[in-house]
């Protein structure tokens, strides 16, 4: 059986059963467990399923003690991805719904973020709801903007002043983003002055986390590609949600937040030489 057919059958099994093990898949496909592990790694990197210890789970199921939900997309020819939100009632909300929740706070953070960018800079704008607000404020400026955020793309697509680089990848319509191995590979060839990084939580110990498993490796690649990391986190992100570690506030060059943020991680950022901007 060729690898493409085998992976198609793996996806069919995981989608219909919710979860399955490496051993079970190996027996069904009549191949070695190591072959199945490699297949699961590829499918996980492409955002088709979620690889777990000893097996895989479907994007819609993703229930390791949490009720998780994802909109599975298959746009010519790819799929979408998933949330890693905790709690029995938490489900991945569409970006337009998320964007209405903390809009005034996000606008304040966006204004400070835009002001921190110098003309001529190469800037990576992360996935999220604050970065499109930043993009609005960057219109007309002599900048290069790199993004996997389709909402940012929509803001800047007709702006002749901004050189706009849209990263390739798998389309997640629910969160208007591009993810997957292609996105990471493109980022590995780029170098930027600054990344404006979003997250879903900043812990009291300074750990910066996210709850989107499919977006976490993209964020890591963005951090690696940038000379300076600017973290955008409103007070609602302290402590926020998520279990996927992105970085520490001690590794952030600038942290932009609002007045109600927990002072402990802010001080950790300052102690490490970072700059904290409270809007």
Protein backbone atom coordinates (compact mmCIF):
# COMPACT_ATOMS: atom_id res chain seq x y z
CA UNK A 1 0.00 0.00 0.00
CA UNK A 2 1.42 3.39 -0.98
CA UNK A 3 1.84 6.00 1.73
CA UNK A 4 -0.86 8.36 0.38
CA UNK A 5 -3.50 5.62 0.44
CA UNK A 6 -2.39 4.44 3.86
CA UNK A 7 -2.64 7.96 5.29
CA UNK A 8 -6.07 8.39 3.73
CA UNK A 9 -7.21 5.22 5.51
CA UNK A 10 -5.65 6.40 8.78
CA UNK A 11 -7.59 9.66 8.55
CA UNK A 12 -10.79 7.78 7.79
CA UNK A 13 -10.28 5.56 10.84
CA UNK A 14 -9.45 8.43 13.19
CA UNK A 15 -12.28 10.64 11.90
CA UNK A 16 -14.87 7.90 12.34
CA UNK A 17 -13.64 6.49 15.65
CA UNK A 18 -12.42 9.68 17.32
CA UNK A 19 -9.20 8.07 18.50
CA UNK A 20 -7.06 5.05 17.71
CA UNK A 21 -3.73 3.50 18.64
CA UNK A 22 -0.53 2.93 16.70
CA UNK A 23 -0.79 -0.80 17.32
CA UNK A 24 -4.34 -1.02 16.01
CA UNK A 25 -3.51 0.99 12.88
CA UNK A 26 -0.41 -1.11 12.22
CA UNK A 27 -2.47 -4.30 12.39
CA UNK A 28 -5.15 -2.90 10.08
CA UNK A 29 -2.68 -1.60 7.52
CA UNK A 30 -0.38 -4.61 7.85
CA UNK A 31 2.69 -2.44 8.30
CA UNK A 32 5.13 -1.82 11.14
CA UNK A 33 4.32 0.45 14.07
CA UNK A 34 7.27 2.68 13.13
CA UNK A 35 5.68 3.25 9.71
CA UNK A 36 2.41 4.27 11.36
CA UNK A 37 4.26 6.63 13.71
CA UNK A 38 5.86 8.36 10.73
CA UNK A 39 2.47 8.64 9.03
CA UNK A 40 0.91 10.15 12.15
CA UNK A 41 3.76 12.64 12.42
CA UNK A 42 3.18 13.82 8.85
CA UNK A 43 -0.59 14.05 9.33
CA UNK A 44 -0.17 15.93 12.60
CA UNK A 45 2.24 18.44 11.04
CA UNK A 46 -0.20 19.00 8.19
CA UNK A 47 -3.02 19.74 10.64
CA UNK A 48 -5.05 16.64 9.70
CA UNK A 49 -5.20 15.04 13.16
CA UNK A 50 -3.62 15.30 16.60
CA UNK A 51 -0.82 12.87 17.40
CA UNK A 52 -0.87 11.58 20.98
CA UNK A 53 1.27 9.22 23.01
CA UNK A 54 0.63 5.82 21.45
CA UNK A 55 -1.85 6.94 18.82
CA UNK A 56 -3.90 9.82 17.45
CA UNK A 57 -7.19 11.62 18.00
CA UNK A 58 -9.47 13.39 15.57
CA UNK A 59 -9.58 17.15 15.44
CA UNK A 60 -13.26 17.24 16.39
CA UNK A 61 -12.76 14.92 19.35
CA UNK A 62 -9.56 15.99 21.07
CA UNK A 63 -10.81 15.02 24.52
CA UNK A 64 -7.91 14.21 26.84
CA UNK A 65 -9.92 15.13 29.91
CA UNK A 66 -11.12 18.30 28.15
CA UNK A 67 -14.04 18.94 25.84
CA UNK A 68 -12.43 20.25 22.69
CA UNK A 69 -13.83 21.15 19.35
CA UNK A 70 -12.50 22.05 15.91
CA UNK A 71 -13.97 22.91 12.57
CA UNK A 72 -12.40 20.49 10.14
CA UNK A 73 -11.80 22.16 6.82
CA UNK A 74 -10.83 20.68 3.52
CA UNK A 75 -10.12 23.65 1.27
CA UNK A 76 -8.43 22.58 -1.95
CA UNK A 77 -7.10 20.19 -0.73
CA UNK A 78 -6.31 20.76 2.94
CA UNK A 79 -8.02 20.70 6.28
CA UNK A 80 -8.40 23.02 9.16
CA UNK A 81 -7.39 22.54 12.73
CA UNK A 82 -8.21 22.62 16.37
CA UNK A 83 -8.41 24.32 19.67
CA UNK A 84 -6.65 23.15 22.82
CA UNK A 85 -8.97 24.97 25.18
CA UNK A 86 -9.63 23.48 28.57
CA UNK A 87 -12.89 23.06 30.43
CA UNK A 88 -15.94 21.01 29.78
CA UNK A 89 -17.81 23.78 28.00
CA UNK A 90 -14.98 25.54 26.15
CA UNK A 91 -15.05 25.25 22.41
CA UNK A 92 -13.13 26.98 19.71
CA UNK A 93 -14.97 30.17 18.93
CA UNK A 94 -14.91 31.79 15.50
CA UNK A 95 -12.46 34.67 15.27
CA UNK A 96 -15.16 37.27 14.72
CA UNK A 97 -16.84 36.24 18.00
CA UNK A 98 -13.56 36.28 19.91
CA UNK A 99 -12.71 39.67 18.44
CA UNK A 100 -15.78 41.33 19.99
CA UNK A 101 -14.96 40.28 23.56
CA UNK A 102 -12.00 42.47 24.51
CA UNK A 103 -12.00 44.99 21.68
CA UNK A 104 -11.33 48.18 23.74
CA UNK A 105 -8.38 46.56 25.51
CA UNK A 106 -7.02 45.15 22.28
CA UNK A 107 -7.24 48.54 20.59
CA UNK A 108 -5.06 50.05 23.31
CA UNK A 109 -2.48 47.29 22.97
CA UNK A 110 -2.58 47.58 19.16
CA UNK A 111 -1.90 51.32 19.28
CA UNK A 112 1.18 50.80 21.47
CA UNK A 113 2.37 47.94 19.26
CA UNK A 114 2.07 49.98 16.06
CA UNK A 115 3.97 52.84 17.70
CA UNK A 116 6.84 50.46 18.54
CA UNK A 117 7.47 49.65 14.87
CA UNK A 118 9.97 51.78 12.94
CA UNK A 119 9.58 52.68 9.27
CA UNK A 120 11.53 50.29 7.08
CA UNK A 121 11.11 47.39 9.51
CA UNK A 122 10.24 43.83 8.56
CA UNK A 123 7.45 42.76 10.90
CA UNK A 124 5.75 39.41 11.49
CA UNK A 125 2.12 39.73 12.56
CA UNK A 126 0.91 36.64 14.38
CA UNK A 127 -2.42 34.87 14.26
CA UNK A 128 -5.00 36.43 16.58
CA UNK A 129 -7.48 39.25 17.02
CA UNK A 130 -5.14 42.06 18.08
CA UNK A 131 -2.78 41.91 15.10
CA UNK A 132 -5.44 42.93 12.54
CA UNK A 133 -6.00 46.04 14.66
CA UNK A 134 -2.26 46.69 14.50
CA UNK A 135 -2.38 46.21 10.73
CA UNK A 136 -5.00 48.96 10.45
CA UNK A 137 -2.56 51.34 12.14
CA UNK A 138 0.33 50.28 9.90
CA UNK A 139 -1.44 51.17 6.66
CA UNK A 140 0.41 53.69 4.52
CA UNK A 141 3.78 53.08 6.19
CA UNK A 142 7.03 51.93 4.57
CA UNK A 143 7.11 48.43 6.05
CA UNK A 144 7.32 44.78 5.12
CA UNK A 145 4.64 42.74 6.86
CA UNK A 146 4.84 38.95 7.00
CA UNK A 147 1.77 37.10 8.21
CA UNK A 148 -0.23 33.89 8.29
CA UNK A 149 -3.25 35.85 9.51
CA UNK A 150 -5.85 36.20 6.76
CA UNK A 151 -7.54 39.06 8.64
CA UNK A 152 -4.24 40.98 8.49
CA UNK A 153 -3.99 40.16 4.80
CA UNK A 154 -7.46 41.58 4.20
CA UNK A 155 -6.51 44.83 5.95
CA UNK A 156 -3.29 45.36 3.97
CA UNK A 157 -3.95 43.69 0.63
CA UNK A 158 -4.74 46.98 -1.17
CA UNK A 159 -2.08 49.11 0.55
CA UNK A 160 0.64 49.97 -1.95
CA UNK A 161 2.94 51.35 0.75
CA UNK A 162 3.23 48.06 2.65
CA UNK A 163 5.15 45.12 1.18
CA UNK A 164 2.94 42.22 2.17
CA UNK A 165 4.18 38.62 2.46
CA UNK A 166 1.44 36.03 2.97
CA UNK A 167 2.78 32.73 4.27
CA UNK A 168 1.43 29.60 2.64
CA UNK A 169 -0.19 26.69 4.44
CA UNK A 170 -3.45 25.03 5.38
CA UNK A 171 -6.42 27.41 5.65
CA UNK A 172 -8.32 27.49 8.95
CA UNK A 173 -11.45 29.43 8.07
CA UNK A 174 -12.72 29.45 11.64
CA UNK A 175 -9.67 31.41 12.77
CA UNK A 176 -8.73 33.04 9.46
CA UNK A 177 -5.20 31.66 9.54
CA UNK A 178 -2.69 29.51 7.70
CA UNK A 179 -1.00 26.63 9.50
CA UNK A 180 0.94 23.45 8.81
CA UNK A 181 4.36 22.32 7.68
CA UNK A 182 4.43 24.64 4.66
CA UNK A 183 3.96 27.68 6.90
CA UNK A 184 6.81 26.58 9.16
CA UNK A 185 9.11 25.83 6.25
CA UNK A 186 8.61 29.28 4.73
CA UNK A 187 9.26 30.94 8.09
CA UNK A 188 12.52 29.02 8.44
CA UNK A 189 13.84 30.89 5.39
CA UNK A 190 12.84 34.36 6.60
CA UNK A 191 14.36 36.92 8.93
CA UNK A 192 12.39 39.76 10.49
CA UNK A 193 13.16 42.68 12.76
CA UNK A 194 10.16 42.07 15.02
CA UNK A 195 7.38 39.58 15.66
CA UNK A 196 4.18 40.82 17.28
CA UNK A 197 3.25 37.66 19.15
CA UNK A 198 -0.15 36.76 20.55
CA UNK A 199 -0.98 34.17 23.20
CA UNK A 200 -3.91 32.88 25.23
CA UNK A 201 -2.26 33.04 28.64
CA UNK A 202 0.58 34.48 30.72
CA UNK A 203 1.12 32.58 33.94
CA UNK A 204 2.18 34.00 37.29
CA UNK A 205 5.56 32.24 36.87
CA UNK A 206 6.15 34.04 33.58
CA UNK A 207 5.31 31.20 31.25
CA UNK A 208 3.63 32.35 28.02
CA UNK A 209 1.15 29.73 26.77
CA UNK A 210 -1.35 29.08 24.01
CA UNK A 211 -4.32 26.75 23.63
CA UNK A 212 -4.19 26.12 19.88
CA UNK A 213 -2.11 23.00 19.26
CA UNK A 214 -2.03 23.51 15.51
CA UNK A 215 -0.83 27.12 15.84
CA UNK A 216 1.80 26.57 18.55
CA UNK A 217 4.57 25.39 16.17
CA UNK A 218 3.86 28.36 13.87
CA UNK A 219 4.34 30.74 16.77
CA UNK A 220 7.64 29.05 17.67
CA UNK A 221 8.80 29.45 14.06
CA UNK A 222 7.85 33.14 14.14
CA UNK A 223 9.87 33.65 17.33
CA UNK A 224 12.87 31.96 15.71
CA UNK A 225 12.58 34.13 12.61
CA UNK A 226 12.55 37.47 14.47
CA UNK A 227 15.31 39.53 16.08
CA UNK A 228 12.89 41.02 18.62
CA UNK A 229 9.81 39.51 20.27
CA UNK A 230 6.97 41.86 21.24
CA UNK A 231 4.26 40.07 23.22
CA UNK A 232 0.72 41.45 22.93
CA UNK A 233 -1.37 40.40 25.94
CA UNK A 234 -4.31 42.29 27.42
CA UNK A 235 -5.04 41.94 31.13
CA UNK A 236 -7.54 39.16 30.32
CA UNK A 237 -4.59 36.94 29.32
CA UNK A 238 -3.30 36.94 32.93
CA UNK A 239 -3.45 34.02 33.64
CA UNK A 240 -5.68 33.22 30.65
CA UNK A 241 -5.92 29.68 29.28
CA UNK A 242 -3.73 27.13 27.55
CA UNK A 243 -1.13 24.48 28.28
CA UNK A 244 1.20 24.79 25.30
CA UNK A 245 4.36 26.69 26.18
CA UNK A 246 5.47 29.36 23.71
CA UNK A 247 8.22 31.06 25.68
CA UNK A 248 8.84 32.87 28.96
CA UNK A 249 8.36 36.57 29.64
CA UNK A 250 12.11 36.57 30.39
CA UNK A 251 12.66 35.80 26.69
CA UNK A 252 10.41 38.63 25.51
CA UNK A 253 11.97 41.95 24.50
CA UNK A 254 8.79 44.01 24.92
CA UNK A 255 5.55 43.09 26.69
CA UNK A 256 2.55 45.28 25.89
CA UNK A 257 -0.47 44.92 28.16
CA UNK A 258 -3.22 46.85 29.95
CA UNK A 259 -3.60 48.15 33.49
CA UNK A 260 -5.18 45.09 35.12
CA UNK A 261 -2.37 42.66 34.27
CA UNK A 262 -0.80 40.55 37.02
CA UNK A 263 2.32 42.49 38.15
CA UNK A 264 4.39 39.36 38.92
CA UNK A 265 5.13 38.28 35.32
CA UNK A 266 5.57 41.93 34.34
CA UNK A 267 8.33 42.25 36.91
CA UNK A 268 9.92 39.01 35.68
CA UNK A 269 10.08 40.56 32.21
CA UNK A 270 11.69 43.73 33.57
CA UNK A 271 14.17 41.75 35.69
CA UNK A 272 15.34 39.93 32.57
CA UNK A 273 15.94 43.23 30.76
CA UNK A 274 12.66 43.38 28.88
CA UNK A 275 10.52 46.48 28.46
CA UNK A 276 6.95 46.55 29.76
CA UNK A 277 4.42 48.93 28.24
CA UNK A 278 1.12 49.34 30.10
CA UNK A 279 -1.57 51.10 28.08
